[in-house]
Amino acid sequence: MSSTPPDYAAFFRSMLGEWEKATNSMGGQTLKSEEFVRMLGGATAATSHAQEAFRGVMERALAAANMPSRAEIEDISARLARIEGALFRMEAKLAELAPAATEKPAPAGPTRNRKPPETPEG
């Protein structure tokens, strides 16, 4: 009399497994076909050519606007990193050579510029 409710999760897992098998089979067959490989190679080449053309157009537009290109920004960034590294090494060397130079000496007392008034002797 008491029937167990249907297991929808098991049904879903079964359907998902079947779908995965069918997709893998179709994908494997598609990748084996010579036409698909040629089409994929052509699409990759077209994308590469389009990117190169866009890069050229962008460089010319930036040059016309008197702005640096990506390559110039990367070059400046690398040069700045080298300069910062050199400065860091110089600071470290200076700290090694003159540790007392970084400490400020205690301020000297005030200088006496005026002599006290002379007292009359008499």
PDB file of N, CA and C in Angstrom:
ATOM      1  N   MET A   1       0.779  -1.173   0.000  1.00  0.00           N
ATOM      2  CA  MET A   1       0.000   0.000   0.000  1.00  0.00           C
ATOM      3  C   MET A   1       0.841   1.267   0.000  1.00  0.00           C
ATOM      4  N   SER A   2       1.877   1.231   0.770  1.00  0.00           N
ATOM      5  CA  SER A   2       2.719   2.422   0.776  1.00  0.00           C
ATOM      6  C   SER A   2       3.766   2.271  -0.319  1.00  0.00           C
ATOM      7  N   SER A   3       3.664   3.105  -1.264  1.00  0.00           N
ATOM      8  CA  SER A   3       4.653   3.072  -2.342  1.00  0.00           C
ATOM      9  C   SER A   3       5.698   4.148  -2.064  1.00  0.00           C
ATOM     10  N   THR A   4       6.900   3.858  -2.443  1.00  0.00           N
ATOM     11  CA  THR A   4       7.972   4.828  -2.215  1.00  0.00           C
ATOM     12  C   THR A   4       7.875   5.920  -3.272  1.00  0.00           C
ATOM     13  N   PRO A   5       8.147   7.144  -2.867  1.00  0.00           N
ATOM     14  CA  PRO A   5       8.080   8.237  -3.842  1.00  0.00           C
ATOM     15  C   PRO A   5       9.191   8.080  -4.879  1.00  0.00           C
ATOM     16  N   PRO A   6       8.968   8.584  -6.069  1.00  0.00           N
ATOM     17  CA  PRO A   6       9.999   8.456  -7.104  1.00  0.00           C
ATOM     18  C   PRO A   6      11.255   9.244  -6.710  1.00  0.00           C
ATOM     19  N   ASP A   7      12.386   8.714  -7.082  1.00  0.00           N
ATOM     20  CA  ASP A   7      13.669   9.357  -6.774  1.00  0.00           C
ATOM     21  C   ASP A   7      14.047  10.257  -7.950  1.00  0.00           C
ATOM     22  N   TYR A   8      13.690  11.520  -7.816  1.00  0.00           N
ATOM     23  CA  TYR A   8      13.943  12.462  -8.908  1.00  0.00           C
ATOM     24  C   TYR A   8      15.440  12.737  -9.075  1.00  0.00           C
ATOM     25  N   ALA A   9      16.177  12.695  -7.990  1.00  0.00           N
ATOM     26  CA  ALA A   9      17.616  12.944  -8.074  1.00  0.00           C
ATOM     27  C   ALA A   9      18.297  11.841  -8.879  1.00  0.00           C
ATOM     28  N   ALA A  10      17.885  10.593  -8.667  1.00  0.00           N
ATOM     29  CA  ALA A  10      18.469   9.486  -9.427  1.00  0.00           C
ATOM     30  C   ALA A  10      18.118   9.626 -10.906  1.00  0.00           C
ATOM     31  N   PHE A  11      16.884  10.013 -11.191  1.00  0.00           N
ATOM     32  CA  PHE A  11      16.470  10.221 -12.577  1.00  0.00           C
ATOM     33  C   PHE A  11      17.314  11.324 -13.219  1.00  0.00           C
ATOM     34  N   PHE A  12      17.523  12.412 -12.490  1.00  0.00           N
ATOM     35  CA  PHE A  12      18.320  13.526 -13.009  1.00  0.00           C
ATOM     36  C   PHE A  12      19.763  13.091 -13.252  1.00  0.00           C
ATOM     37  N   ARG A  13      20.346  12.338 -12.304  1.00  0.00           N
ATOM     38  CA  ARG A  13      21.722  11.853 -12.483  1.00  0.00           C
ATOM     39  C   ARG A  13      21.821  10.956 -13.705  1.00  0.00           C
ATOM     40  N   SER A  14      20.824  10.113 -13.891  1.00  0.00           N
ATOM     41  CA  SER A  14      20.816   9.213 -15.043  1.00  0.00           C
ATOM     42  C   SER A  14      20.737  10.009 -16.346  1.00  0.00           C
ATOM     43  N   MET A  15      19.850  10.988 -16.395  1.00  0.00           N
ATOM     44  CA  MET A  15      19.708  11.806 -17.602  1.00  0.00           C
ATOM     45  C   MET A  15      20.978  12.616 -17.862  1.00  0.00           C
ATOM     46  N   LEU A  16      21.572  13.131 -16.816  1.00  0.00           N
ATOM     47  CA  LEU A  16      22.801  13.899 -16.962  1.00  0.00           C
ATOM     48  C   LEU A  16      23.927  13.017 -17.494  1.00  0.00           C
ATOM     49  N   GLY A  17      24.014  11.793 -16.992  1.00  0.00           N
ATOM     50  CA  GLY A  17      25.026  10.850 -17.479  1.00  0.00           C
ATOM     51  C   GLY A  17      24.836  10.535 -18.952  1.00  0.00           C
ATOM     52  N   GLU A  18      23.587  10.315 -19.363  1.00  0.00           N
ATOM     53  CA  GLU A  18      23.298  10.027 -20.771  1.00  0.00           C
ATOM     54  C   GLU A  18      23.633  11.232 -21.653  1.00  0.00           C
ATOM     55  N   TRP A  19      23.280  12.413 -21.180  1.00  0.00           N
ATOM     56  CA  TRP A  19      23.576  13.628 -21.949  1.00  0.00           C
ATOM     57  C   TRP A  19      25.089  13.806 -22.095  1.00  0.00           C
ATOM     58  N   GLU A  20      25.831  13.541 -21.020  1.00  0.00           N
ATOM     59  CA  GLU A  20      27.286  13.675 -21.062  1.00  0.00           C
ATOM     60  C   GLU A  20      27.890  12.685 -22.056  1.00  0.00           C
ATOM     61  N   LYS A  21      27.409  11.448 -22.057  1.00  0.00           N
ATOM     62  CA  LYS A  21      27.916  10.446 -23.004  1.00  0.00           C
ATOM     63  C   LYS A  21      27.637  10.874 -24.443  1.00  0.00           C
ATOM     64  N   ALA A  22      26.426  11.352 -24.705  1.00  0.00           N
ATOM     65  CA  ALA A  22      26.065  11.766 -26.064  1.00  0.00           C
ATOM     66  C   ALA A  22      26.903  12.966 -26.507  1.00  0.00           C
ATOM     67  N   THR A  23      27.094  13.915 -25.604  1.00  0.00           N
ATOM     68  CA  THR A  23      27.883  15.104 -25.933  1.00  0.00           C
ATOM     69  C   THR A  23      29.334  14.730 -26.199  1.00  0.00           C
ATOM     70  N   ASN A  24      29.908  13.871 -25.370  1.00  0.00           N
ATOM     71  CA  ASN A  24      31.287  13.439 -25.582  1.00  0.00           C
ATOM     72  C   ASN A  24      31.439  12.701 -26.904  1.00  0.00           C
ATOM     73  N   SER A  25      30.467  11.867 -27.232  1.00  0.00           N
ATOM     74  CA  SER A  25      30.518  11.123 -28.488  1.00  0.00           C
ATOM     75  C   SER A  25      30.454  12.076 -29.678  1.00  0.00           C
ATOM     76  N   MET A  26      29.517  13.014 -29.625  1.00  0.00           N
ATOM     77  CA  MET A  26      29.375  13.967 -30.723  1.00  0.00           C
ATOM     78  C   MET A  26      30.612  14.862 -30.824  1.00  0.00           C
ATOM     79  N   GLY A  27      31.128  15.325 -29.690  1.00  0.00           N
ATOM     80  CA  GLY A  27      32.318  16.174 -29.698  1.00  0.00           C
ATOM     81  C   GLY A  27      33.528  15.439 -30.237  1.00  0.00           C
ATOM     82  N   GLY A  28      33.684  14.191 -29.853  1.00  0.00           N
ATOM     83  CA  GLY A  28      34.804  13.396 -30.353  1.00  0.00           C
ATOM     84  C   GLY A  28      34.732  13.205 -31.852  1.00  0.00           C
ATOM     85  N   GLN A  29      33.538  12.935 -32.360  1.00  0.00           N
ATOM     86  CA  GLN A  29      33.369  12.754 -33.806  1.00  0.00           C
ATOM     87  C   GLN A  29      33.618  14.065 -34.545  1.00  0.00           C
ATOM     88  N   THR A  30      33.160  15.159 -33.962  1.00  0.00           N
ATOM     89  CA  THR A  30      33.341  16.462 -34.606  1.00  0.00           C
ATOM     90  C   THR A  30      34.816  16.827 -34.666  1.00  0.00           C
ATOM     91  N   LEU A  31      35.535  16.605 -33.581  1.00  0.00           N
ATOM     92  CA  LEU A  31      36.951  16.961 -33.550  1.00  0.00           C
ATOM     93  C   LEU A  31      37.788  16.083 -34.470  1.00  0.00           C
ATOM     94  N   LYS A  32      37.293  14.899 -34.792  1.00  0.00           N
ATOM     95  CA  LYS A  32      38.023  14.014 -35.700  1.00  0.00           C
ATOM     96  C   LYS A  32      37.834  14.414 -37.160  1.00  0.00           C
ATOM     97  N   SER A  33      36.802  15.194 -37.455  1.00  0.00           N
ATOM     98  CA  SER A  33      36.538  15.529 -38.854  1.00  0.00           C
ATOM     99  C   SER A  33      37.525  16.586 -39.347  1.00  0.00           C
ATOM    100  N   GLU A  34      37.982  16.399 -40.564  1.00  0.00           N
ATOM    101  CA  GLU A  34      38.969  17.294 -41.174  1.00  0.00           C
ATOM    102  C   GLU A  34      38.387  18.687 -41.415  1.00  0.00           C
ATOM    103  N   GLU A  35      37.110  18.761 -41.769  1.00  0.00           N
ATOM    104  CA  GLU A  35      36.480  20.054 -42.042  1.00  0.00           C
ATOM    105  C   GLU A  35      36.456  20.929 -40.791  1.00  0.00           C
ATOM    106  N   PHE A  36      36.125  20.313 -39.662  1.00  0.00           N
ATOM    107  CA  PHE A  36      36.055  21.081 -38.422  1.00  0.00           C
ATOM    108  C   PHE A  36      37.433  21.613 -38.037  1.00  0.00           C
ATOM    109  N   VAL A  37      38.448  20.778 -38.190  1.00  0.00           N
ATOM    110  CA  VAL A  37      39.808  21.200 -37.837  1.00  0.00           C
ATOM    111  C   VAL A  37      40.244  22.355 -38.732  1.00  0.00           C
ATOM    112  N   ARG A  38      39.942  22.262 -40.034  1.00  0.00           N
ATOM    113  CA  ARG A  38      40.284  23.357 -40.950  1.00  0.00           C
ATOM    114  C   ARG A  38      39.533  24.634 -40.585  1.00  0.00           C
ATOM    115  N   MET A  39      38.242  24.488 -40.275  1.00  0.00           N
ATOM    116  CA  MET A  39      37.434  25.653 -39.909  1.00  0.00           C
ATOM    117  C   MET A  39      37.957  26.287 -38.618  1.00  0.00           C
ATOM    118  N   LEU A  40      38.321  25.467 -37.651  1.00  0.00           N
ATOM    119  CA  LEU A  40      38.840  25.983 -36.387  1.00  0.00           C
ATOM    120  C   LEU A  40      40.178  26.686 -36.598  1.00  0.00           C
ATOM    121  N   GLY A  41      41.038  26.124 -37.434  1.00  0.00           N
ATOM    122  CA  GLY A  41      42.316  26.771 -37.749  1.00  0.00           C
ATOM    123  C   GLY A  41      42.108  28.099 -38.455  1.00  0.00           C
ATOM    124  N   GLY A  42      41.152  28.130 -39.385  1.00  0.00           N
ATOM    125  CA  GLY A  42      40.850  29.380 -40.089  1.00  0.00           C
ATOM    126  C   GLY A  42      40.308  30.443 -39.148  1.00  0.00           C
ATOM    127  N   ALA A  43      39.450  30.029 -38.219  1.00  0.00           N
ATOM    128  CA  ALA A  43      38.900  30.989 -37.257  1.00  0.00           C
ATOM    129  C   ALA A  43      39.998  31.533 -36.353  1.00  0.00           C
ATOM    130  N   THR A  44      40.909  30.672 -35.950  1.00  0.00           N
ATOM    131  CA  THR A  44      42.021  31.118 -35.107  1.00  0.00           C
ATOM    132  C   THR A  44      42.912  32.097 -35.861  1.00  0.00           C
ATOM    133  N   ALA A  45      43.203  31.791 -37.115  1.00  0.00           N
ATOM    134  CA  ALA A  45      44.036  32.689 -37.925  1.00  0.00           C
ATOM    135  C   ALA A  45      43.336  34.024 -38.141  1.00  0.00           C
ATOM    136  N   ALA A  46      42.033  33.993 -38.406  1.00  0.00           N
ATOM    137  CA  ALA A  46      41.290  35.241 -38.613  1.00  0.00           C
ATOM    138  C   ALA A  46      41.290  36.087 -37.344  1.00  0.00           C
ATOM    139  N   THR A  47      41.134  35.446 -36.202  1.00  0.00           N
ATOM    140  CA  THR A  47      41.160  36.176 -34.933  1.00  0.00           C
ATOM    141  C   THR A  47      42.524  36.809 -34.707  1.00  0.00           C
ATOM    142  N   SER A  48      43.564  36.067 -35.016  1.00  0.00           N
ATOM    143  CA  SER A  48      44.920  36.588 -34.848  1.00  0.00           C
ATOM    144  C   SER A  48      45.161  37.792 -35.755  1.00  0.00           C
ATOM    145  N   HIS A  49      44.723  37.699 -37.005  1.00  0.00           N
ATOM    146  CA  HIS A  49      44.885  38.819 -37.941  1.00  0.00           C
ATOM    147  C   HIS A  49      44.074  40.035 -37.486  1.00  0.00           C
ATOM    148  N   ALA A  50      42.871  39.794 -36.985  1.00  0.00           N
ATOM    149  CA  ALA A  50      42.035  40.902 -36.514  1.00  0.00           C
ATOM    150  C   ALA A  50      42.679  41.591 -35.312  1.00  0.00           C
ATOM    151  N   GLN A  51      43.250  40.808 -34.404  1.00  0.00           N
ATOM    152  CA  GLN A  51      43.912  41.402 -33.242  1.00  0.00           C
ATOM    153  C   GLN A  51      45.112  42.235 -33.672  1.00  0.00           C
ATOM    154  N   GLU A  52      45.883  41.735 -34.616  1.00  0.00           N
ATOM    155  CA  GLU A  52      47.054  42.467 -35.099  1.00  0.00           C
ATOM    156  C   GLU A  52      46.633  43.765 -35.790  1.00  0.00           C
ATOM    157  N   ALA A  53      45.575  43.697 -36.592  1.00  0.00           N
ATOM    158  CA  ALA A  53      45.082  44.906 -37.259  1.00  0.00           C
ATOM    159  C   ALA A  53      44.583  45.920 -36.233  1.00  0.00           C
ATOM    160  N   PHE A  54      43.867  45.456 -35.231  1.00  0.00           N
ATOM    161  CA  PHE A  54      43.369  46.355 -34.188  1.00  0.00           C
ATOM    162  C   PHE A  54      44.528  46.988 -33.425  1.00  0.00           C
ATOM    163  N   ARG A  55      45.561  46.199 -33.151  1.00  0.00           N
ATOM    164  CA  ARG A  55      46.729  46.723 -32.441  1.00  0.00           C
ATOM    165  C   ARG A  55      47.384  47.840 -33.258  1.00  0.00           C
ATOM    166  N   GLY A  56      47.511  47.625 -34.571  1.00  0.00           N
ATOM    167  CA  GLY A  56      48.100  48.649 -35.430  1.00  0.00           C
ATOM    168  C   GLY A  56      47.264  49.914 -35.467  1.00  0.00           C
ATOM    169  N   VAL A  57      45.951  49.751 -35.585  1.00  0.00           N
ATOM    170  CA  VAL A  57      45.054  50.910 -35.603  1.00  0.00           C
ATOM    171  C   VAL A  57      45.148  51.665 -34.278  1.00  0.00           C
ATOM    172  N   MET A  58      45.187  50.935 -33.182  1.00  0.00           N
ATOM    173  CA  MET A  58      45.251  51.570 -31.866  1.00  0.00           C
ATOM    174  C   MET A  58      46.568  52.324 -31.687  1.00  0.00           C
ATOM    175  N   GLU A  59      47.677  51.738 -32.141  1.00  0.00           N
ATOM    176  CA  GLU A  59      48.965  52.427 -32.028  1.00  0.00           C
ATOM    177  C   GLU A  59      48.974  53.714 -32.842  1.00  0.00           C
ATOM    178  N   ARG A  60      48.403  53.666 -34.047  1.00  0.00           N
ATOM    179  CA  ARG A  60      48.359  54.884 -34.870  1.00  0.00           C
ATOM    180  C   ARG A  60      47.457  55.938 -34.231  1.00  0.00           C
ATOM    181  N   ALA A  61      46.336  55.513 -33.661  1.00  0.00           N
ATOM    182  CA  ALA A  61      45.428  56.467 -33.016  1.00  0.00           C
ATOM    183  C   ALA A  61      46.092  57.095 -31.793  1.00  0.00           C
ATOM    184  N   LEU A  62      46.793  56.288 -31.014  1.00  0.00           N
ATOM    185  CA  LEU A  62      47.482  56.830 -29.844  1.00  0.00           C
ATOM    186  C   LEU A  62      48.610  57.772 -30.257  1.00  0.00           C
ATOM    187  N   ALA A  63      49.322  57.421 -31.324  1.00  0.00           N
ATOM    188  CA  ALA A  63      50.393  58.298 -31.805  1.00  0.00           C
ATOM    189  C   ALA A  63      49.811  59.620 -32.300  1.00  0.00           C
ATOM    190  N   ALA A  64      48.660  59.564 -32.968  1.00  0.00           N
ATOM    191  CA  ALA A  64      48.027  60.792 -33.455  1.00  0.00           C
ATOM    192  C   ALA A  64      47.573  61.668 -32.294  1.00  0.00           C
ATOM    193  N   ALA A  65      47.181  61.047 -31.184  1.00  0.00           N
ATOM    194  CA  ALA A  65      46.747  61.798 -30.005  1.00  0.00           C
ATOM    195  C   ALA A  65      47.924  62.142 -29.094  1.00  0.00           C
ATOM    196  N   ASN A  66      49.140  61.815 -29.539  1.00  0.00           N
ATOM    197  CA  ASN A  66      50.355  62.074 -28.771  1.00  0.00           C
ATOM    198  C   ASN A  66      50.302  61.384 -27.403  1.00  0.00           C
ATOM    199  N   MET A  67      49.837  60.133 -27.422  1.00  0.00           N
ATOM    200  CA  MET A  67      49.762  59.332 -26.201  1.00  0.00           C
ATOM    201  C   MET A  67      50.654  58.106 -26.366  1.00  0.00           C
ATOM    202  N   PRO A  68      51.194  57.581 -25.273  1.00  0.00           N
ATOM    203  CA  PRO A  68      52.081  56.417 -25.381  1.00  0.00           C
ATOM    204  C   PRO A  68      51.300  55.142 -25.695  1.00  0.00           C
ATOM    205  N   SER A  69      51.960  54.248 -26.406  1.00  0.00           N
ATOM    206  CA  SER A  69      51.340  52.958 -26.714  1.00  0.00           C
ATOM    207  C   SER A  69      51.542  52.011 -25.536  1.00  0.00           C
ATOM    208  N   ARG A  70      50.935  50.853 -25.623  1.00  0.00           N
ATOM    209  CA  ARG A  70      51.064  49.861 -24.555  1.00  0.00           C
ATOM    210  C   ARG A  70      52.517  49.432 -24.397  1.00  0.00           C
ATOM    211  N   ALA A  71      53.205  49.232 -25.515  1.00  0.00           N
ATOM    212  CA  ALA A  71      54.605  48.817 -25.456  1.00  0.00           C
ATOM    213  C   ALA A  71      55.457  49.887 -24.777  1.00  0.00           C
ATOM    214  N   GLU A  72      55.176  51.150 -25.068  1.00  0.00           N
ATOM    215  CA  GLU A  72      55.939  52.232 -24.437  1.00  0.00           C
ATOM    216  C   GLU A  72      55.663  52.301 -22.936  1.00  0.00           C
ATOM    217  N   ILE A  73      54.415  52.091 -22.544  1.00  0.00           N
ATOM    218  CA  ILE A  73      54.069  52.090 -21.120  1.00  0.00           C
ATOM    219  C   ILE A  73      54.776  50.933 -20.416  1.00  0.00           C
ATOM    220  N   GLU A  74      54.790  49.759 -21.042  1.00  0.00           N
ATOM    221  CA  GLU A  74      55.475  48.610 -20.446  1.00  0.00           C
ATOM    222  C   GLU A  74      56.969  48.875 -20.322  1.00  0.00           C
ATOM    223  N   ASP A  75      57.561  49.529 -21.333  1.00  0.00           N
ATOM    224  CA  ASP A  75      58.984  49.862 -21.288  1.00  0.00           C
ATOM    225  C   ASP A  75      59.271  50.840 -20.150  1.00  0.00           C
ATOM    226  N   ILE A  76      58.438  51.854 -20.023  1.00  0.00           N
ATOM    227  CA  ILE A  76      58.619  52.838 -18.950  1.00  0.00           C
ATOM    228  C   ILE A  76      58.459  52.164 -17.587  1.00  0.00           C
ATOM    229  N   SER A  77      57.501  51.275 -17.477  1.00  0.00           N
ATOM    230  CA  SER A  77      57.275  50.572 -16.215  1.00  0.00           C
ATOM    231  C   SER A  77      58.485  49.720 -15.843  1.00  0.00           C
ATOM    232  N   ALA A  78      59.058  49.027 -16.822  1.00  0.00           N
ATOM    233  CA  ALA A  78      60.237  48.201 -16.551  1.00  0.00           C
ATOM    234  C   ALA A  78      61.423  49.075 -16.149  1.00  0.00           C
ATOM    235  N   ARG A  79      61.599  50.194 -16.840  1.00  0.00           N
ATOM    236  CA  ARG A  79      62.705  51.095 -16.496  1.00  0.00           C
ATOM    237  C   ARG A  79      62.524  51.666 -15.095  1.00  0.00           C
ATOM    238  N   LEU A  80      61.302  52.031 -14.751  1.00  0.00           N
ATOM    239  CA  LEU A  80      61.026  52.566 -13.416  1.00  0.00           C
ATOM    240  C   LEU A  80      61.291  51.512 -12.342  1.00  0.00           C
ATOM    241  N   ALA A  81      60.939  50.271 -12.618  1.00  0.00           N
ATOM    242  CA  ALA A  81      61.198  49.193 -11.656  1.00  0.00           C
ATOM    243  C   ALA A  81      62.701  49.020 -11.447  1.00  0.00           C
ATOM    244  N   ARG A  82      63.483  49.111 -12.529  1.00  0.00           N
ATOM    245  CA  ARG A  82      64.941  49.002 -12.391  1.00  0.00           C
ATOM    246  C   ARG A  82      65.500  50.166 -11.579  1.00  0.00           C
ATOM    247  N   ILE A  83      64.992  51.370 -11.821  1.00  0.00           N
ATOM    248  CA  ILE A  83      65.457  52.549 -11.077  1.00  0.00           C
ATOM    249  C   ILE A  83      65.116  52.407  -9.596  1.00  0.00           C
ATOM    250  N   GLU A  84      63.906  51.955  -9.299  1.00  0.00           N
ATOM    251  CA  GLU A  84      63.512  51.774  -7.900  1.00  0.00           C
ATOM    252  C   GLU A  84      64.379  50.724  -7.221  1.00  0.00           C
ATOM    253  N   GLY A  85      64.700  49.655  -7.939  1.00  0.00           N
ATOM    254  CA  GLY A  85      65.581  48.630  -7.382  1.00  0.00           C
ATOM    255  C   GLY A  85      66.961  49.186  -7.083  1.00  0.00           C
ATOM    256  N   ALA A  86      67.489  49.992  -8.008  1.00  0.00           N
ATOM    257  CA  ALA A  86      68.800  50.596  -7.790  1.00  0.00           C
ATOM    258  C   ALA A  86      68.764  51.537  -6.589  1.00  0.00           C
ATOM    259  N   LEU A  87      67.709  52.317  -6.457  1.00  0.00           N
ATOM    260  CA  LEU A  87      67.594  53.219  -5.304  1.00  0.00           C
ATOM    261  C   LEU A  87      67.519  52.436  -3.995  1.00  0.00           C
ATOM    262  N   PHE A  88      66.794  51.344  -4.007  1.00  0.00           N
ATOM    263  CA  PHE A  88      66.681  50.522  -2.803  1.00  0.00           C
ATOM    264  C   PHE A  88      68.050  49.976  -2.409  1.00  0.00           C
ATOM    265  N   ARG A  89      68.810  49.501  -3.408  1.00  0.00           N
ATOM    266  CA  ARG A  89      70.147  48.983  -3.109  1.00  0.00           C
ATOM    267  C   ARG A  89      71.062  50.091  -2.593  1.00  0.00           C
ATOM    268  N   MET A  90      70.959  51.296  -3.166  1.00  0.00           N
ATOM    269  CA  MET A  90      71.779  52.421  -2.695  1.00  0.00           C
ATOM    270  C   MET A  90      71.435  52.783  -1.258  1.00  0.00           C
ATOM    271  N   GLU A  91      70.152  52.818  -0.945  1.00  0.00           N
ATOM    272  CA  GLU A  91      69.741  53.132   0.424  1.00  0.00           C
ATOM    273  C   GLU A  91      70.266  52.090   1.398  1.00  0.00           C
ATOM    274  N   ALA A  92      70.226  50.829   1.000  1.00  0.00           N
ATOM    275  CA  ALA A  92      70.724  49.766   1.872  1.00  0.00           C
ATOM    276  C   ALA A  92      72.230  49.925   2.090  1.00  0.00           C
ATOM    277  N   LYS A  93      72.971  50.235   1.027  1.00  0.00           N
ATOM    278  CA  LYS A  93      74.423  50.439   1.160  1.00  0.00           C
ATOM    279  C   LYS A  93      74.721  51.628   2.063  1.00  0.00           C
ATOM    280  N   LEU A  94      73.997  52.726   1.873  1.00  0.00           N
ATOM    281  CA  LEU A  94      74.216  53.903   2.714  1.00  0.00           C
ATOM    282  C   LEU A  94      73.925  53.594   4.176  1.00  0.00           C
ATOM    283  N   ALA A  95      72.900  52.815   4.420  1.00  0.00           N
ATOM    284  CA  ALA A  95      72.571  52.451   5.798  1.00  0.00           C
ATOM    285  C   ALA A  95      73.675  51.591   6.401  1.00  0.00           C
ATOM    286  N   GLU A  96      74.302  50.739   5.585  1.00  0.00           N
ATOM    287  CA  GLU A  96      75.410  49.919   6.078  1.00  0.00           C
ATOM    288  C   GLU A  96      76.641  50.769   6.362  1.00  0.00           C
ATOM    289  N   LEU A  97      76.942  51.693   5.451  1.00  0.00           N
ATOM    290  CA  LEU A  97      78.174  52.467   5.558  1.00  0.00           C
ATOM    291  C   LEU A  97      78.114  53.543   6.635  1.00  0.00           C
ATOM    292  N   ALA A  98      77.002  54.172   6.797  1.00  0.00           N
ATOM    293  CA  ALA A  98      76.919  55.288   7.740  1.00  0.00           C
ATOM    294  C   ALA A  98      75.655  55.189   8.578  1.00  0.00           C
ATOM    295  N   PRO A  99      75.610  54.257   9.530  1.00  0.00           N
ATOM    296  CA  PRO A  99      74.394  54.166  10.342  1.00  0.00           C
ATOM    297  C   PRO A  99      74.219  55.379  11.244  1.00  0.00           C
ATOM    298  N   ALA A 100      75.326  55.992  11.659  1.00  0.00           N
ATOM    299  CA  ALA A 100      75.218  57.157  12.532  1.00  0.00           C
ATOM    300  C   ALA A 100      74.746  58.382  11.767  1.00  0.00           C
ATOM    301  N   ALA A 101      74.946  58.404  10.476  1.00  0.00           N
ATOM    302  CA  ALA A 101      74.547  59.566   9.685  1.00  0.00           C
ATOM    303  C   ALA A 101      73.030  59.693   9.631  1.00  0.00           C
ATOM    304  N   THR A 102      72.332  58.598   9.815  1.00  0.00           N
ATOM    305  CA  THR A 102      70.880  58.676   9.772  1.00  0.00           C
ATOM    306  C   THR A 102      70.304  59.205  11.076  1.00  0.00           C
ATOM    307  N   GLU A 103      71.097  59.116  12.170  1.00  0.00           N
ATOM    308  CA  GLU A 103      70.630  59.639  13.447  1.00  0.00           C
ATOM    309  C   GLU A 103      70.978  61.113  13.527  1.00  0.00           C
ATOM    310  N   LYS A 104      70.046  61.922  13.991  1.00  0.00           N
ATOM    311  CA  LYS A 104      70.293  63.352  14.110  1.00  0.00           C
ATOM    312  C   LYS A 104      71.001  63.613  15.439  1.00  0.00           C
ATOM    313  N   PRO A 105      72.043  64.444  15.407  1.00  0.00           N
ATOM    314  CA  PRO A 105      72.721  64.758  16.667  1.00  0.00           C
ATOM    315  C   PRO A 105      71.824  65.634  17.541  1.00  0.00           C
ATOM    316  N   ALA A 106      72.106  65.600  18.822  1.00  0.00           N
ATOM    317  CA  ALA A 106      71.329  66.424  19.748  1.00  0.00           C
ATOM    318  C   ALA A 106      71.601  67.889  19.434  1.00  0.00           C
ATOM    319  N   PRO A 107      70.582  68.716  19.495  1.00  0.00           N
ATOM    320  CA  PRO A 107      70.801  70.125  19.166  1.00  0.00           C
ATOM    321  C   PRO A 107      71.739  70.770  20.186  1.00  0.00           C
ATOM    322  N   ALA A 108      72.621  71.606  19.679  1.00  0.00           N
ATOM    323  CA  ALA A 108      73.563  72.308  20.551  1.00  0.00           C
ATOM    324  C   ALA A 108      72.817  73.415  21.284  1.00  0.00           C
ATOM    325  N   GLY A 109      73.400  73.864  22.374  1.00  0.00           N
ATOM    326  CA  GLY A 109      72.781  74.948  23.133  1.00  0.00           C
ATOM    327  C   GLY A 109      72.811  76.239  22.331  1.00  0.00           C
ATOM    328  N   PRO A 110      72.087  77.223  22.779  1.00  0.00           N
ATOM    329  CA  PRO A 110      72.060  78.484  22.035  1.00  0.00           C
ATOM    330  C   PRO A 110      73.430  79.155  22.076  1.00  0.00           C
ATOM    331  N   THR A 111      73.756  79.822  21.015  1.00  0.00           N
ATOM    332  CA  THR A 111      75.036  80.522  20.957  1.00  0.00           C
ATOM    333  C   THR A 111      74.879  81.900  21.583  1.00  0.00           C
ATOM    334  N   ARG A 112      75.946  82.372  22.186  1.00  0.00           N
ATOM    335  CA  ARG A 112      75.938  83.702  22.796  1.00  0.00           C
ATOM    336  C   ARG A 112      76.480  84.670  21.769  1.00  0.00           C
ATOM    337  N   ASN A 113      75.629  85.496  21.262  1.00  0.00           N
ATOM    338  CA  ASN A 113      76.050  86.479  20.275  1.00  0.00           C
ATOM    339  C   ASN A 113      76.373  87.820  20.929  1.00  0.00           C
ATOM    340  N   ARG A 114      75.784  88.052  22.047  1.00  0.00           N
ATOM    341  CA  ARG A 114      75.986  89.338  22.708  1.00  0.00           C
ATOM    342  C   ARG A 114      76.684  89.119  24.042  1.00  0.00           C
ATOM    343  N   LYS A 115      77.488  90.053  24.360  1.00  0.00           N
ATOM    344  CA  LYS A 115      78.151  89.997  25.659  1.00  0.00           C
ATOM    345  C   LYS A 115      77.254  90.693  26.672  1.00  0.00           C
ATOM    346  N   PRO A 116      77.297  90.233  27.898  1.00  0.00           N
ATOM    347  CA  PRO A 116      76.502  90.925  28.910  1.00  0.00           C
ATOM    348  C   PRO A 116      77.047  92.340  29.126  1.00  0.00           C
ATOM    349  N   PRO A 117      76.201  93.228  29.550  1.00  0.00           N
ATOM    350  CA  PRO A 117      76.687  94.606  29.756  1.00  0.00           C
ATOM    351  C   PRO A 117      77.775  94.638  30.829  1.00  0.00           C
ATOM    352  N   GLU A 118      78.728  95.485  30.571  1.00  0.00           N
ATOM    353  CA  GLU A 118      79.836  95.591  31.525  1.00  0.00           C
ATOM    354  C   GLU A 118      79.389  96.392  32.736  1.00  0.00           C
ATOM    355  N   THR A 119      79.812  95.953  33.858  1.00  0.00           N
ATOM    356  CA  THR A 119      79.485  96.685  35.080  1.00  0.00           C
ATOM    357  C   THR A 119      80.566  97.735  35.336  1.00  0.00           C
ATOM    358  N   PRO A 120      80.177  98.931  35.723  1.00  0.00           N
ATOM    359  CA  PRO A 120      81.191  99.974  35.963  1.00  0.00           C
ATOM    360  C   PRO A 120      82.000  99.644  37.212  1.00  0.00           C
ATOM    361  N   GLU A 121      83.262  99.757  37.063  1.00  0.00           N
ATOM    362  CA  GLU A 121      84.137  99.492  38.203  1.00  0.00           C
ATOM    363  C   GLU A 121      84.417 100.806  38.909  1.00  0.00           C
ATOM    364  N   GLY A 122      84.379 100.810  40.017  1.00  0.00           N
ATOM    365  CA  GLY A 122      84.630 102.082  40.611  1.00  0.00           C
ATOM    366  C   GLY A 122      84.794 102.224  41.981  1.00  0.00           C
TER     367      GLY A 122
END
